Amino acid sequence: MATTASPQALASPPTLPDGVDIIPRKFTFRDLDAIPKYWFGGNKLITHLENTFSILIPPGERFFIQSVRNYADRVDDPEFAKLVQAFIQQEGHHTRAHNDFNAHFAAHGIDVKREEAYAARVMESASRWLPKKIQLGITVFFEHLTATGAHVLFAEPELAKHMHPEALRFWRWHAAEELEHKAVAFDLLRKVGGGYLTRMVSVVVGLLWFGPAFAIMARRMIKADPEPLTDAMRAQAREIDRISREVQRDLLLAYFKPGFHPWDQHDEAYVAEFYASPEIS
């Protein structure tokens, strides 16, 4: 099996939309070695941007998990506690799968260990210095960003067709689980007294703390790659960015509404479609 579920961690309380369960599933690559160096459109620029995101995911997931665990003792609802545990297990599976993916493109000459160490330092500094409620607020915001990206991957086939099939299967697995648990950290923040102001402050702090790190890592990887960056690559990257922004814009802006909730955007059909597909068999 390419993915294996952990039934004991299944969470399907009434707070989830009909048809949505949070079931941690381990992912196994069918042929990791078949994924080429430039797995997104044969494009150096786009691939390195996505690789930067992938390298940030393992330390980022550890940050998210800890930000949620900081408030585990405040969860007195057994059903919500199941959601929190399932969220933690899913994020743990994502960490392990992305470690495998990242190790693969290290074989293409990318200094993955250097970037992993840098990303880990950035995340650890946030855990050390930021207030715990802001850490959880940052998790909530970045969970929204990843859920928005997940929505785009399912909603816009024009993007998916540029990705190598094995890389696409991997990212769609991750995307489906992000959609399943997209409201867990948000609901936890509300339960522990984090309101609109906390969410907005966390947006600013999160972007200022982590945005420069993303830019530094991506720039280093692009610069270190001897493959020329052509005008055609830049044009393709701009077009893909345009398509993504058209889908993402309203979803991203919705976060800034005081009454926002992640399940205002109904992604149940995408989750059901993925789990019914041969991609997980």
Protein backbone atom coordinates (compact mmCIF):
# COMPACT_ATOMS: atom_id res chain seq x y z
CA MET A 1 0.00 0.00 0.00
CA ALA A 2 1.23 3.50 -0.81
CA THR A 3 -0.53 5.00 2.18
CA THR A 4 -1.50 3.32 5.42
CA ALA A 5 -4.04 4.70 7.84
CA SER A 6 -3.89 4.80 11.62
CA PRO A 7 -7.49 3.89 12.53
CA GLN A 8 -6.94 4.44 16.23
CA ALA A 9 -6.32 8.12 15.52
CA LEU A 10 -9.43 8.57 13.43
CA ALA A 11 -11.31 11.70 14.43
CA SER A 12 -14.75 12.46 13.10
CA PRO A 13 -16.60 14.51 15.71
CA PRO A 14 -19.59 16.72 14.88
CA THR A 15 -17.34 19.78 14.46
CA LEU A 16 -16.15 18.42 11.10
CA PRO A 17 -18.24 18.72 7.93
CA ASP A 18 -20.13 15.64 6.81
CA GLY A 19 -17.87 13.20 5.05
CA VAL A 20 -14.63 14.56 6.51
CA ASP A 21 -12.52 12.50 8.90
CA ILE A 22 -9.01 13.19 10.14
CA ILE A 23 -7.15 9.94 9.56
CA PRO A 24 -3.34 9.99 9.68
CA ARG A 25 -1.99 8.04 6.71
CA LYS A 26 1.65 7.18 6.19
CA PHE A 27 2.90 7.86 2.69
CA THR A 28 5.27 5.64 0.74
CA PHE A 29 6.84 6.72 -2.52
CA ARG A 30 6.37 4.25 -5.35
CA ASP A 31 9.44 5.43 -7.25
CA LEU A 32 11.19 8.33 -5.56
CA ASP A 33 14.25 7.98 -7.79
CA ALA A 34 12.10 8.68 -10.85
CA ILE A 35 11.41 12.25 -9.73
CA PRO A 36 13.73 14.48 -11.77
CA LYS A 37 15.79 17.40 -10.51
CA TYR A 38 13.33 19.91 -11.96
CA TRP A 39 10.11 18.14 -11.12
CA PHE A 40 7.83 21.16 -11.59
CA GLY A 41 7.55 21.98 -15.27
CA GLY A 42 11.22 21.24 -15.87
CA ASN A 43 11.70 24.70 -14.40
CA LYS A 44 14.63 25.54 -12.13
CA LEU A 45 12.97 28.59 -10.58
CA ILE A 46 9.61 27.04 -9.71
CA THR A 47 11.16 23.79 -8.50
CA HIS A 48 13.58 25.51 -6.13
CA LEU A 49 10.78 27.64 -4.69
CA GLU A 50 8.76 24.50 -4.00
CA ASN A 51 11.84 22.72 -2.65
CA THR A 52 12.36 25.61 -0.23
CA PHE A 53 8.83 25.11 1.04
CA SER A 54 9.48 21.37 1.39
CA ILE A 55 12.66 21.91 3.41
CA LEU A 56 10.81 24.27 5.73
CA ILE A 57 8.04 21.74 6.33
CA PRO A 58 9.75 19.33 8.79
CA PRO A 59 10.89 22.02 11.27
CA GLY A 60 7.69 23.92 10.57
CA GLU A 61 5.55 20.90 11.41
CA ARG A 62 7.49 20.43 14.65
CA PHE A 63 6.79 24.08 15.47
CA PHE A 64 3.08 23.61 14.71
CA ILE A 65 2.88 20.45 16.82
CA GLN A 66 4.54 22.11 19.79
CA SER A 67 2.36 25.21 19.52
CA VAL A 68 -0.69 22.94 19.79
CA ARG A 69 0.79 20.81 22.57
CA ASN A 70 1.43 23.95 24.60
CA TYR A 71 -2.33 24.08 25.16
CA ALA A 72 -3.12 20.35 25.29
CA ASP A 73 -3.92 20.59 28.99
CA ARG A 74 -6.61 23.17 28.20
CA VAL A 75 -8.60 20.75 26.05
CA ASP A 76 -11.36 19.28 28.20
CA ASP A 77 -13.60 18.08 25.37
CA PRO A 78 -12.79 14.41 24.56
CA GLU A 79 -14.00 14.76 20.98
CA PHE A 80 -11.85 17.80 20.32
CA ALA A 81 -8.91 16.05 22.00
CA LYS A 82 -9.22 13.36 19.32
CA LEU A 83 -8.97 16.06 16.64
CA VAL A 84 -5.85 17.48 18.26
CA GLN A 85 -4.20 14.07 18.46
CA ALA A 86 -5.06 13.27 14.85
CA PHE A 87 -3.67 16.66 13.77
CA ILE A 88 -0.39 15.92 15.57
CA GLN A 89 -0.10 12.48 13.99
CA GLN A 90 -0.79 13.78 10.50
CA GLU A 91 1.83 16.50 10.88
CA GLY A 92 4.31 13.89 12.10
CA HIS A 93 3.71 11.79 8.99
CA HIS A 94 4.25 14.89 6.82
CA THR A 95 7.60 15.50 8.49
CA ARG A 96 8.83 11.98 7.75
CA ALA A 97 7.64 11.99 4.13
CA HIS A 98 9.18 15.39 3.40
CA ASN A 99 12.47 14.25 4.93
CA ASP A 100 12.50 11.45 2.33
CA PHE A 101 11.58 13.85 -0.47
CA ASN A 102 14.21 16.38 0.59
CA ALA A 103 16.93 13.75 0.87
CA HIS A 104 16.16 12.75 -2.72
CA PHE A 105 16.86 16.14 -4.22
CA ALA A 106 20.04 16.39 -2.17
CA ALA A 107 21.31 13.82 -4.70
CA HIS A 108 20.92 16.52 -7.36
CA GLY A 109 23.54 18.73 -5.75
CA ILE A 110 21.33 20.80 -3.45
CA ASP A 111 22.86 21.47 -0.03
CA VAL A 112 19.81 20.22 1.82
CA LYS A 113 21.61 19.77 5.15
CA ARG A 114 22.68 23.42 5.19
CA GLU A 115 19.15 24.62 4.47
CA GLU A 116 17.59 22.19 6.96
CA ALA A 117 19.91 23.42 9.70
CA TYR A 118 19.10 27.04 8.91
CA ALA A 119 15.35 26.39 8.84
CA ALA A 120 15.56 24.54 12.15
CA ARG A 121 17.36 27.49 13.78
CA VAL A 122 14.69 29.90 12.58
CA MET A 123 11.87 27.71 13.93
CA GLU A 124 13.65 27.07 17.22
CA SER A 125 14.21 30.79 17.76
CA ALA A 126 10.49 31.40 17.27
CA SER A 127 9.67 28.70 19.81
CA ARG A 128 12.13 30.21 22.28
CA TRP A 129 11.21 33.90 22.04
CA LEU A 130 7.61 34.28 20.92
CA PRO A 131 4.66 34.15 23.34
CA LYS A 132 2.90 30.79 23.22
CA LYS A 133 -0.39 32.27 22.07
CA ILE A 134 1.35 34.05 19.18
CA GLN A 135 3.05 30.77 18.27
CA LEU A 136 -0.37 29.13 18.06
CA GLY A 137 -1.68 32.12 16.10
CA ILE A 138 1.17 31.72 13.62
CA THR A 139 0.30 28.05 13.27
CA VAL A 140 -3.30 29.02 12.56
CA PHE A 141 -2.22 31.48 9.86
CA PHE A 142 0.21 29.11 8.17
CA GLU A 143 -2.34 26.30 8.32
CA HIS A 144 -4.61 28.63 6.38
CA LEU A 145 -1.86 29.31 3.83
CA THR A 146 -1.19 25.61 3.35
CA ALA A 147 -4.90 24.81 3.11
CA THR A 148 -5.24 27.54 0.49
CA GLY A 149 -2.35 26.05 -1.47
CA ALA A 150 -3.94 22.62 -1.11
CA HIS A 151 -7.21 23.96 -2.49
CA VAL A 152 -5.39 25.41 -5.50
CA LEU A 153 -3.65 22.12 -6.23
CA PHE A 154 -7.01 20.33 -6.42
CA ALA A 155 -9.00 23.14 -8.02
CA GLU A 156 -6.58 24.10 -10.79
CA PRO A 157 -5.57 21.16 -13.02
CA GLU A 158 -3.48 23.51 -15.14
CA LEU A 159 -0.92 23.58 -12.32
CA ALA A 160 -0.99 19.86 -11.60
CA LYS A 161 -0.19 18.92 -15.20
CA HIS A 162 3.23 20.60 -14.88
CA MET A 163 4.29 18.34 -11.99
CA HIS A 164 6.00 14.97 -12.30
CA PRO A 165 3.35 12.30 -11.53
CA GLU A 166 5.11 10.88 -8.46
CA ALA A 167 5.75 14.36 -7.04
CA LEU A 168 2.13 15.28 -7.75
CA ARG A 169 0.85 12.19 -5.92
CA PHE A 170 3.02 13.10 -2.93
CA TRP A 171 1.87 16.72 -2.78
CA ARG A 172 -1.78 15.76 -3.27
CA TRP A 173 -1.57 13.35 -0.31
CA HIS A 174 -0.16 16.14 1.82
CA ALA A 175 -2.77 18.58 0.49
CA ALA A 176 -5.70 16.26 1.29
CA GLU A 177 -4.59 15.93 4.91
CA GLU A 178 -4.06 19.68 5.19
CA LEU A 179 -7.65 20.20 4.10
CA GLU A 180 -8.90 17.60 6.59
CA HIS A 181 -7.30 19.25 9.62
CA LYS A 182 -7.32 22.88 8.49
CA ALA A 183 -9.55 24.06 11.35
CA VAL A 184 -7.99 22.23 14.30
CA ALA A 185 -5.44 24.86 15.34
CA PHE A 186 -7.96 27.62 14.59
CA ASP A 187 -10.58 26.10 16.86
CA LEU A 188 -7.98 25.49 19.57
CA LEU A 189 -6.92 29.13 19.46
CA ARG A 190 -10.51 30.20 19.99
CA LYS A 191 -10.94 27.75 22.85
CA VAL A 192 -7.93 29.22 24.71
CA GLY A 193 -9.06 32.81 24.28
CA GLY A 194 -7.29 33.88 21.11
CA GLY A 195 -9.49 36.28 19.19
CA TYR A 196 -9.26 38.42 16.07
CA LEU A 197 -6.49 40.66 17.40
CA THR A 198 -4.31 37.65 18.24
CA ARG A 199 -4.85 36.28 14.75
CA MET A 200 -3.88 39.57 13.08
CA VAL A 201 -0.81 40.18 15.25
CA SER A 202 0.27 36.62 14.50
CA VAL A 203 0.02 37.26 10.76
CA VAL A 204 2.42 40.18 11.00
CA VAL A 205 4.85 38.40 13.33
CA GLY A 206 4.76 35.21 11.26
CA LEU A 207 5.48 36.96 7.98
CA LEU A 208 8.28 39.06 9.47
CA TRP A 209 9.85 36.07 11.24
CA PHE A 210 9.62 33.43 8.53
CA GLY A 211 9.26 35.35 5.25
CA PRO A 212 12.91 36.46 5.08
CA ALA A 213 14.07 32.91 5.88
CA PHE A 214 12.13 31.56 2.90
CA ALA A 215 13.63 34.22 0.62
CA ILE A 216 17.19 33.57 1.85
CA MET A 217 16.91 29.82 1.36
CA ALA A 218 15.32 30.04 -2.08
CA ARG A 219 17.87 32.59 -3.28
CA ARG A 220 20.78 30.44 -2.09
CA MET A 221 19.50 27.32 -3.83
CA ILE A 222 18.77 29.12 -7.08
CA LYS A 223 22.16 30.84 -7.05
CA ALA A 224 24.05 27.63 -6.26
CA ASP A 225 22.45 25.76 -9.16
CA PRO A 226 24.68 26.12 -12.24
CA GLU A 227 21.77 25.57 -14.65
CA PRO A 228 21.08 28.90 -16.43
CA LEU A 229 17.86 30.66 -15.43
CA THR A 230 16.27 31.47 -18.77
CA ASP A 231 13.67 34.02 -19.81
CA ALA A 232 11.37 31.11 -20.67
CA MET A 233 11.64 29.79 -17.10
CA ARG A 234 10.83 33.22 -15.69
CA ALA A 235 7.85 33.58 -18.02
CA GLN A 236 6.50 30.16 -17.05
CA ALA A 237 6.93 30.99 -13.37
CA ARG A 238 5.02 34.25 -13.81
CA GLU A 239 2.18 32.44 -15.58
CA ILE A 240 1.91 29.78 -12.88
CA ASP A 241 2.00 32.50 -10.22
CA ARG A 242 -0.80 34.34 -12.05
CA ILE A 243 -2.99 31.23 -12.17
CA SER A 244 -2.37 30.51 -8.49
CA ARG A 245 -3.12 34.06 -7.40
CA GLU A 246 -6.43 34.13 -9.27
CA VAL A 247 -7.61 31.13 -7.26
CA GLN A 248 -5.96 32.10 -3.97
CA ARG A 249 -6.76 35.80 -3.72
CA ASP A 250 -10.26 35.62 -2.27
CA LEU A 251 -9.37 32.65 -0.06
CA LEU A 252 -6.41 34.50 1.44
CA LEU A 253 -8.34 37.71 1.97
CA ALA A 254 -11.14 35.84 3.73
CA TYR A 255 -8.76 35.20 6.63
CA PHE A 256 -8.85 38.88 7.54
CA LYS A 257 -12.62 38.91 8.15
CA PRO A 258 -13.46 38.93 11.89
CA GLY A 259 -16.00 36.12 11.48
CA PHE A 260 -13.76 33.87 9.36
CA HIS A 261 -13.66 30.11 9.90
CA PRO A 262 -11.56 27.67 7.80
CA TRP A 263 -14.57 25.55 6.87
CA ASP A 264 -16.27 28.57 5.29
CA GLN A 265 -14.44 27.22 2.24
CA HIS A 266 -15.95 23.81 1.57
CA ASP A 267 -13.25 21.44 0.35
CA GLU A 268 -14.98 18.20 1.27
CA ALA A 269 -15.38 17.15 -2.39
CA TYR A 270 -11.65 17.43 -3.08
CA VAL A 271 -10.81 15.29 -0.07
CA ALA A 272 -13.36 12.64 -1.04
CA GLU A 273 -12.16 12.64 -4.65
CA PHE A 274 -8.55 12.09 -3.64
CA TYR A 275 -9.28 9.21 -1.27
CA ALA A 276 -11.41 7.53 -3.92
CA SER A 277 -8.60 7.78 -6.48
CA PRO A 278 -5.96 5.16 -7.31
CA GLU A 279 -3.29 7.59 -6.03
CA ILE A 280 -3.53 6.19 -2.50
CA SER A 281 -3.76 2.51 -3.40
